[in-house]
Amino acid sequence: MIEADSIVFPWGHKRRYNSYGEHFKGIFGGRVQKISVDAGFSCPNRDGTKGFGGCTFCNNDAFNPSYCQPQKPLQQQIEEGIEFHRKRYRRAKSFLVYFQAYSNTYKPLNELKMLYEEALRHPLVVGLVIGTRPDTIDEEKLIYLQNLQKNHYIMLEYGVESVSNKSLQRINRGHTFEEATMAIEMTANAGISCGAHFIFGLPGENRKQMLESAAIISKLPLTSVKFHQLQLFKNTVIADEYLENPEEFWLFTLEDYIDFIIELIEKLNPSFVIERFAGEVPPRFLVTPPWENIRYDVVLQRIEEELQKRNSWQGRLFNA
């Protein structure tokens, strides 16, 4: 039996999963903190290009920090973000600007250049993480980002959400999983780091289907993954659907989710860096009660303790 205290896992440290924090320590030699900014982007399923209303689960206010407001100049958001995070993470010396809200490649390239390069002018900013959709990227933008990363760290983070086209249609994503796969492959072929976000617990999906998605996700040329359980935010279509027909939803309890996510990552490609295992927002945004009012760092601790108890790790059952 392999014990974590007697080996170093393939990712080069003794945590039982390929940790995002450890990954960046390896790149930058110390802690690097992400600063969210809201640069006033929209989405093609909001402005009528592909639809209206956006994703049925979306309420960006639930994720935006207090300093992150689109009416504020970008440099002000960055300065306030650095100050905000320095109080909590005193070891952070360098920062990545995280273009988070909505689809942050959904503007003409000349406008993107102005925003990205303004963010990179800050002396403490070493790179960008750009959250976006797979249908708002193209070769011209990738060539520009390819050149930009010669002197800066660049990552594109795609909202994929599900490998099921039926689920994507139900939540009004406006793109298919095949489009997501194509965007991820284009990004990887351009040599740009690529992350993907997935939600577990979408209506119509069962545990077996979600666990089987590990094999599909593992084939993608990804750098990192971010996993969230379905959370129902106030003032969203999916929350109204839940209140009208709660029997159509199967929401994870904390214990269920810990068991599920460990089973999932046992099957997951061990080369993938895991940024998050679960989502957390202020309780005032939620229609359903949060998990026992437990913060994410405690959820992470519980997951790591359970991995230790089971003597398991990311990729233990991975079949290349």
Protein backbone atom coordinates (compact mmCIF):
# COMPACT_ATOMS: atom_id res chain seq x y z
CA MET A 1 0.00 0.00 0.00
CA ILE A 2 1.36 3.43 -0.98
CA GLU A 3 1.51 5.96 1.85
CA ALA A 4 1.76 9.69 1.15
CA ASP A 5 4.44 10.16 3.79
CA SER A 6 6.70 7.65 2.04
CA ILE A 7 6.42 8.86 -1.57
CA VAL A 8 6.21 12.04 -3.61
CA PHE A 9 3.29 11.95 -6.03
CA PRO A 10 3.76 12.65 -9.76
CA TRP A 11 3.01 16.34 -9.23
CA GLY A 12 6.10 16.72 -7.04
CA HIS A 13 4.68 17.26 -3.55
CA LYS A 14 2.99 15.18 -0.88
CA ARG A 15 -0.55 16.50 -1.06
CA ARG A 16 -2.90 13.84 -2.39
CA TYR A 17 -4.02 15.96 -5.32
CA ASN A 18 -2.28 18.20 -7.82
CA SER A 19 -2.68 21.46 -5.91
CA TYR A 20 -3.16 24.82 -7.64
CA GLY A 21 -1.26 26.67 -4.93
CA GLU A 22 1.71 24.30 -5.12
CA HIS A 23 1.63 24.54 -8.92
CA PHE A 24 2.13 28.31 -8.82
CA LYS A 25 4.79 28.08 -6.14
CA GLY A 26 6.68 25.91 -8.60
CA ILE A 27 6.32 28.53 -11.34
CA PHE A 28 6.91 31.70 -9.34
CA GLY A 29 8.81 30.47 -6.28
CA GLY A 30 6.17 31.67 -3.82
CA ARG A 31 2.51 32.46 -3.31
CA VAL A 32 0.76 34.27 -6.15
CA GLN A 33 -2.74 35.63 -5.50
CA LYS A 34 -5.51 36.15 -8.05
CA ILE A 35 -7.33 39.51 -8.04
CA SER A 36 -10.80 39.49 -9.60
CA VAL A 37 -11.79 42.43 -11.80
CA ASP A 38 -14.98 43.26 -13.63
CA ALA A 39 -14.22 44.98 -16.92
CA GLY A 40 -17.82 45.31 -18.07
CA PHE A 41 -18.03 42.36 -20.46
CA SER A 42 -21.24 40.66 -21.60
CA CYS A 43 -22.01 37.22 -23.10
CA PRO A 44 -23.48 36.11 -26.44
CA ASN A 45 -26.35 34.39 -24.62
CA ARG A 46 -27.20 37.72 -22.94
CA ASP A 47 -27.05 40.28 -25.72
CA GLY A 48 -29.14 38.39 -28.28
CA THR A 49 -26.29 37.02 -30.40
CA LYS A 50 -27.20 33.53 -29.24
CA GLY A 51 -29.96 34.25 -26.77
CA PHE A 52 -31.10 36.35 -23.84
CA GLY A 53 -30.99 36.04 -20.08
CA GLY A 54 -27.60 34.34 -19.81
CA CYS A 55 -27.04 31.00 -18.11
CA THR A 56 -29.94 29.99 -15.89
CA PHE A 57 -27.63 29.61 -12.87
CA CYS A 58 -25.72 32.89 -13.27
CA ASN A 59 -25.62 35.65 -10.68
CA ASN A 60 -22.15 37.22 -10.87
CA ASP A 61 -22.82 39.40 -7.85
CA ALA A 62 -22.52 36.25 -5.74
CA PHE A 63 -18.85 35.87 -6.75
CA ASN A 64 -17.68 39.45 -7.18
CA PRO A 65 -15.70 40.80 -4.20
CA SER A 66 -16.84 44.17 -2.84
CA TYR A 67 -14.01 46.03 -4.60
CA CYS A 68 -14.85 44.46 -7.96
CA GLN A 69 -17.29 46.83 -9.68
CA PRO A 70 -17.35 47.60 -13.42
CA GLN A 71 -17.94 51.32 -12.86
CA LYS A 72 -14.53 51.57 -11.16
CA PRO A 73 -11.43 52.09 -13.34
CA LEU A 74 -9.44 48.91 -13.86
CA GLN A 75 -6.35 50.17 -12.02
CA GLN A 76 -8.51 51.13 -9.02
CA GLN A 77 -9.97 47.61 -8.89
CA ILE A 78 -6.46 46.15 -9.04
CA GLU A 79 -5.16 48.42 -6.26
CA GLU A 80 -8.15 47.70 -4.03
CA GLY A 81 -7.85 44.00 -4.82
CA ILE A 82 -4.19 43.93 -3.81
CA GLU A 83 -5.02 45.72 -0.56
CA PHE A 84 -7.94 43.37 0.10
CA HIS A 85 -5.86 40.22 -0.38
CA ARG A 86 -2.75 41.48 1.42
CA LYS A 87 -4.73 41.60 4.64
CA ARG A 88 -5.59 37.90 4.28
CA TYR A 89 -2.58 36.52 2.42
CA ARG A 90 0.45 38.39 3.71
CA ARG A 91 2.86 36.06 1.91
CA ALA A 92 1.57 37.05 -1.54
CA LYS A 93 4.16 39.20 -3.30
CA SER A 94 2.89 38.85 -6.86
CA PHE A 95 -0.59 38.94 -8.33
CA LEU A 96 -2.54 37.62 -11.30
CA VAL A 97 -5.40 39.76 -12.58
CA TYR A 98 -8.45 37.54 -12.98
CA PHE A 99 -10.89 38.83 -15.58
CA GLN A 100 -13.80 36.96 -14.03
CA ALA A 101 -17.25 38.40 -14.66
CA TYR A 102 -19.02 37.15 -17.80
CA SER A 103 -17.09 36.43 -21.06
CA ASN A 104 -13.77 38.23 -21.01
CA THR A 105 -12.75 37.62 -24.62
CA TYR A 106 -16.09 38.89 -25.93
CA LYS A 107 -14.90 42.20 -27.37
CA PRO A 108 -12.97 43.19 -30.50
CA LEU A 109 -9.25 42.46 -30.22
CA ASN A 110 -8.22 46.14 -30.07
CA GLU A 111 -10.40 46.63 -26.97
CA LEU A 112 -9.05 43.45 -25.38
CA LYS A 113 -5.48 44.67 -25.94
CA MET A 114 -6.16 47.91 -24.09
CA LEU A 115 -7.71 46.13 -21.09
CA TYR A 116 -5.16 43.32 -20.80
CA GLU A 117 -2.15 45.56 -21.27
CA GLU A 118 -3.47 48.10 -18.78
CA ALA A 119 -3.74 45.34 -16.17
CA LEU A 120 -0.21 44.12 -16.93
CA ARG A 121 1.25 47.59 -16.45
CA HIS A 122 0.81 47.31 -12.69
CA PRO A 123 4.27 46.56 -11.21
CA LEU A 124 3.00 43.74 -8.95
CA VAL A 125 0.99 41.96 -11.66
CA VAL A 126 2.80 39.01 -13.26
CA GLY A 127 0.04 37.71 -15.49
CA LEU A 128 -3.61 37.28 -16.39
CA VAL A 129 -6.25 34.62 -15.90
CA ILE A 130 -9.03 35.26 -18.41
CA GLY A 131 -12.41 33.68 -17.71
CA THR A 132 -14.50 33.23 -20.83
CA ARG A 133 -16.71 30.99 -22.98
CA PRO A 134 -15.42 28.59 -25.65
CA ASP A 135 -17.43 30.33 -28.39
CA THR A 136 -15.79 33.75 -27.87
CA ILE A 137 -12.21 32.82 -28.79
CA ASP A 138 -10.59 32.70 -32.22
CA GLU A 139 -7.19 32.27 -33.84
CA GLU A 140 -6.45 36.01 -33.96
CA LYS A 141 -7.01 36.38 -30.22
CA LEU A 142 -4.94 33.28 -29.48
CA ILE A 143 -2.01 34.59 -31.55
CA TYR A 144 -2.13 37.85 -29.57
CA LEU A 145 -2.20 35.97 -26.22
CA GLN A 146 0.60 33.72 -27.45
CA ASN A 147 2.78 36.81 -27.95
CA LEU A 148 1.66 38.35 -24.66
CA GLN A 149 2.78 35.32 -22.68
CA LYS A 150 6.39 35.71 -23.84
CA ASN A 151 6.78 38.11 -20.90
CA HIS A 152 3.76 37.29 -18.70
CA TYR A 153 1.84 34.32 -17.37
CA ILE A 154 -1.40 33.87 -19.35
CA MET A 155 -4.21 31.37 -18.71
CA LEU A 156 -7.55 31.06 -20.46
CA GLU A 157 -10.24 29.61 -18.19
CA TYR A 158 -13.28 28.27 -20.03
CA GLY A 159 -16.71 27.78 -18.54
CA VAL A 160 -17.57 24.32 -19.85
CA GLU A 161 -19.99 23.36 -17.03
CA SER A 162 -21.01 19.93 -18.38
CA VAL A 163 -20.02 17.29 -20.91
CA SER A 164 -23.74 16.78 -21.68
CA ASN A 165 -25.21 18.83 -24.53
CA LYS A 166 -28.66 18.19 -23.10
CA SER A 167 -27.62 19.84 -19.84
CA LEU A 168 -25.92 22.72 -21.65
CA GLN A 169 -29.10 23.39 -23.60
CA ARG A 170 -31.23 23.25 -20.45
CA ILE A 171 -29.09 25.86 -18.66
CA ASN A 172 -29.08 28.14 -21.75
CA ARG A 173 -25.32 28.02 -22.33
CA GLY A 174 -25.67 28.58 -26.07
CA HIS A 175 -22.71 26.35 -26.97
CA THR A 176 -22.03 22.62 -27.15
CA PHE A 177 -19.45 20.43 -25.47
CA GLU A 178 -17.89 19.89 -28.89
CA GLU A 179 -17.34 23.65 -29.21
CA ALA A 180 -15.72 23.64 -25.77
CA THR A 181 -13.44 20.78 -26.80
CA MET A 182 -12.42 22.64 -29.96
CA ALA A 183 -11.59 25.85 -28.04
CA ILE A 184 -9.54 23.94 -25.44
CA GLU A 185 -7.60 22.12 -28.16
CA MET A 186 -6.92 25.38 -30.05
CA THR A 187 -5.68 26.99 -26.83
CA ALA A 188 -3.43 24.06 -25.94
CA ASN A 189 -2.06 23.92 -29.49
CA ALA A 190 -1.15 27.62 -29.16
CA GLY A 191 0.88 26.74 -26.06
CA ILE A 192 -1.37 28.74 -23.72
CA SER A 193 -2.30 27.39 -20.29
CA CYS A 194 -5.93 26.34 -20.25
CA GLY A 195 -8.39 25.81 -17.39
CA ALA A 196 -11.98 24.55 -17.38
CA HIS A 197 -14.88 24.97 -14.97
CA PHE A 198 -17.47 22.25 -14.34
CA ILE A 199 -20.68 22.19 -12.27
CA PHE A 200 -21.94 18.97 -10.69
CA GLY A 201 -25.60 18.46 -9.82
CA LEU A 202 -27.26 20.11 -12.81
CA PRO A 203 -30.90 19.01 -13.22
CA GLY A 204 -31.27 15.84 -15.24
CA GLU A 205 -27.78 14.52 -14.45
CA ASN A 206 -27.30 11.61 -12.05
CA ARG A 207 -24.32 10.47 -10.02
CA LYS A 208 -23.32 7.74 -12.49
CA GLN A 209 -23.29 10.18 -15.42
CA MET A 210 -21.27 12.72 -13.47
CA LEU A 211 -18.67 10.14 -12.41
CA GLU A 212 -18.39 8.91 -15.98
CA SER A 213 -17.60 12.46 -17.07
CA ALA A 214 -14.17 12.11 -15.38
CA ALA A 215 -12.97 9.94 -18.27
CA ILE A 216 -14.24 12.45 -20.85
CA ILE A 217 -12.73 15.45 -19.05
CA SER A 218 -9.43 13.60 -18.59
CA LYS A 219 -8.92 13.39 -22.36
CA LEU A 220 -8.95 17.18 -22.76
CA PRO A 221 -5.56 18.97 -23.05
CA LEU A 222 -6.13 20.99 -19.88
CA THR A 223 -3.74 22.60 -17.44
CA SER A 224 -6.24 22.99 -14.61
CA VAL A 225 -9.81 22.25 -13.56
CA LYS A 226 -12.23 23.94 -11.20
CA PHE A 227 -15.18 21.99 -9.79
CA HIS A 228 -18.32 23.41 -8.16
CA GLN A 229 -21.43 21.81 -6.77
CA LEU A 230 -24.67 23.31 -8.08
CA GLN A 231 -25.65 26.28 -5.93
CA LEU A 232 -29.00 27.98 -6.39
CA PHE A 233 -28.67 31.76 -6.32
CA LYS A 234 -31.52 34.17 -5.73
CA ASN A 235 -32.83 36.02 -8.78
CA THR A 236 -31.87 33.26 -11.21
CA VAL A 237 -34.02 31.15 -13.54
CA ILE A 238 -32.74 27.87 -12.11
CA ALA A 239 -33.65 28.93 -8.57
CA ASP A 240 -37.21 29.68 -9.73
CA GLU A 241 -37.32 26.26 -11.41
CA TYR A 242 -36.23 24.65 -8.16
CA LEU A 243 -38.84 26.49 -6.09
CA GLU A 244 -41.56 25.43 -8.55
CA ASN A 245 -40.43 21.79 -8.98
CA PRO A 246 -37.93 20.80 -6.26
CA GLU A 247 -38.48 17.11 -7.04
CA GLU A 248 -36.55 17.59 -10.31
CA PHE A 249 -33.40 18.53 -8.41
CA TRP A 250 -30.97 16.38 -6.48
CA LEU A 251 -28.75 18.71 -4.47
CA PHE A 252 -25.60 17.39 -2.82
CA THR A 253 -25.33 17.31 0.95
CA LEU A 254 -21.80 18.01 2.15
CA GLU A 255 -21.18 14.35 3.01
CA ASP A 256 -22.53 13.20 -0.38
CA TYR A 257 -20.37 15.68 -2.21
CA ILE A 258 -17.16 14.77 -0.40
CA ASP A 259 -17.75 11.12 -1.23
CA PHE A 260 -18.61 11.99 -4.86
CA ILE A 261 -15.69 14.33 -5.51
CA ILE A 262 -13.18 11.83 -4.15
CA GLU A 263 -14.58 9.12 -6.42
CA LEU A 264 -14.37 11.56 -9.33
CA ILE A 265 -10.77 12.69 -8.79
CA GLU A 266 -9.63 9.08 -8.32
CA LYS A 267 -10.54 8.69 -12.02
CA LEU A 268 -9.17 12.11 -13.05
CA ASN A 269 -6.05 12.70 -15.11
CA PRO A 270 -3.27 13.26 -12.52
CA SER A 271 -1.59 15.87 -14.73
CA PHE A 272 -4.51 18.28 -14.17
CA VAL A 273 -4.00 20.91 -11.51
CA ILE A 274 -7.12 21.15 -9.30
CA GLU A 275 -7.90 24.76 -8.42
CA ARG A 276 -11.14 24.21 -6.52
CA PHE A 277 -13.20 21.24 -5.38
CA ALA A 278 -16.35 23.18 -4.48
CA GLY A 279 -17.98 26.59 -4.66
CA GLU A 280 -18.63 29.08 -1.87
CA VAL A 281 -20.66 32.29 -1.88
CA PRO A 282 -22.11 34.48 0.88
CA PRO A 283 -25.23 32.75 2.29
CA ARG A 284 -27.41 35.79 1.54
CA PHE A 285 -27.28 34.90 -2.18
CA LEU A 286 -28.52 31.32 -1.75
CA VAL A 287 -32.07 30.02 -2.07
CA THR A 288 -31.12 26.79 -0.26
CA PRO A 289 -29.09 26.76 2.98
CA PRO A 290 -25.29 26.48 2.62
CA TRP A 291 -23.50 23.37 3.83
CA GLU A 292 -23.75 23.72 7.61
CA ASN A 293 -22.27 27.23 7.21
CA ILE A 294 -18.85 25.63 6.65
CA ARG A 295 -16.29 27.72 4.76
CA TYR A 296 -14.43 26.33 1.73
CA ASP A 297 -11.13 25.93 3.58
CA VAL A 298 -12.88 23.57 6.01
CA VAL A 299 -14.48 21.66 3.10
CA LEU A 300 -11.02 21.30 1.57
CA GLN A 301 -9.64 20.06 4.87
CA ARG A 302 -12.44 17.49 5.10
CA ILE A 303 -11.67 16.27 1.56
CA GLU A 304 -7.97 15.93 2.33
CA GLU A 305 -8.70 14.09 5.57
CA GLU A 306 -10.98 11.67 3.73
CA LEU A 307 -8.34 11.06 1.05
CA GLN A 308 -5.89 10.24 3.83
CA LYS A 309 -8.42 7.97 5.57
CA ARG A 310 -9.09 6.07 2.33
CA ASN A 311 -5.39 6.11 1.38
CA SER A 312 -6.46 7.53 -1.98
CA TRP A 313 -5.30 10.27 -4.31
CA GLN A 314 -6.03 12.03 -7.60
CA GLY A 315 -5.63 9.63 -10.51
CA ARG A 316 -5.47 6.47 -8.39
CA LEU A 317 -7.92 4.79 -10.79
CA PHE A 318 -7.01 6.85 -13.85
CA ASN A 319 -6.89 4.79 -17.03
CA ALA A 320 -4.83 6.52 -19.68
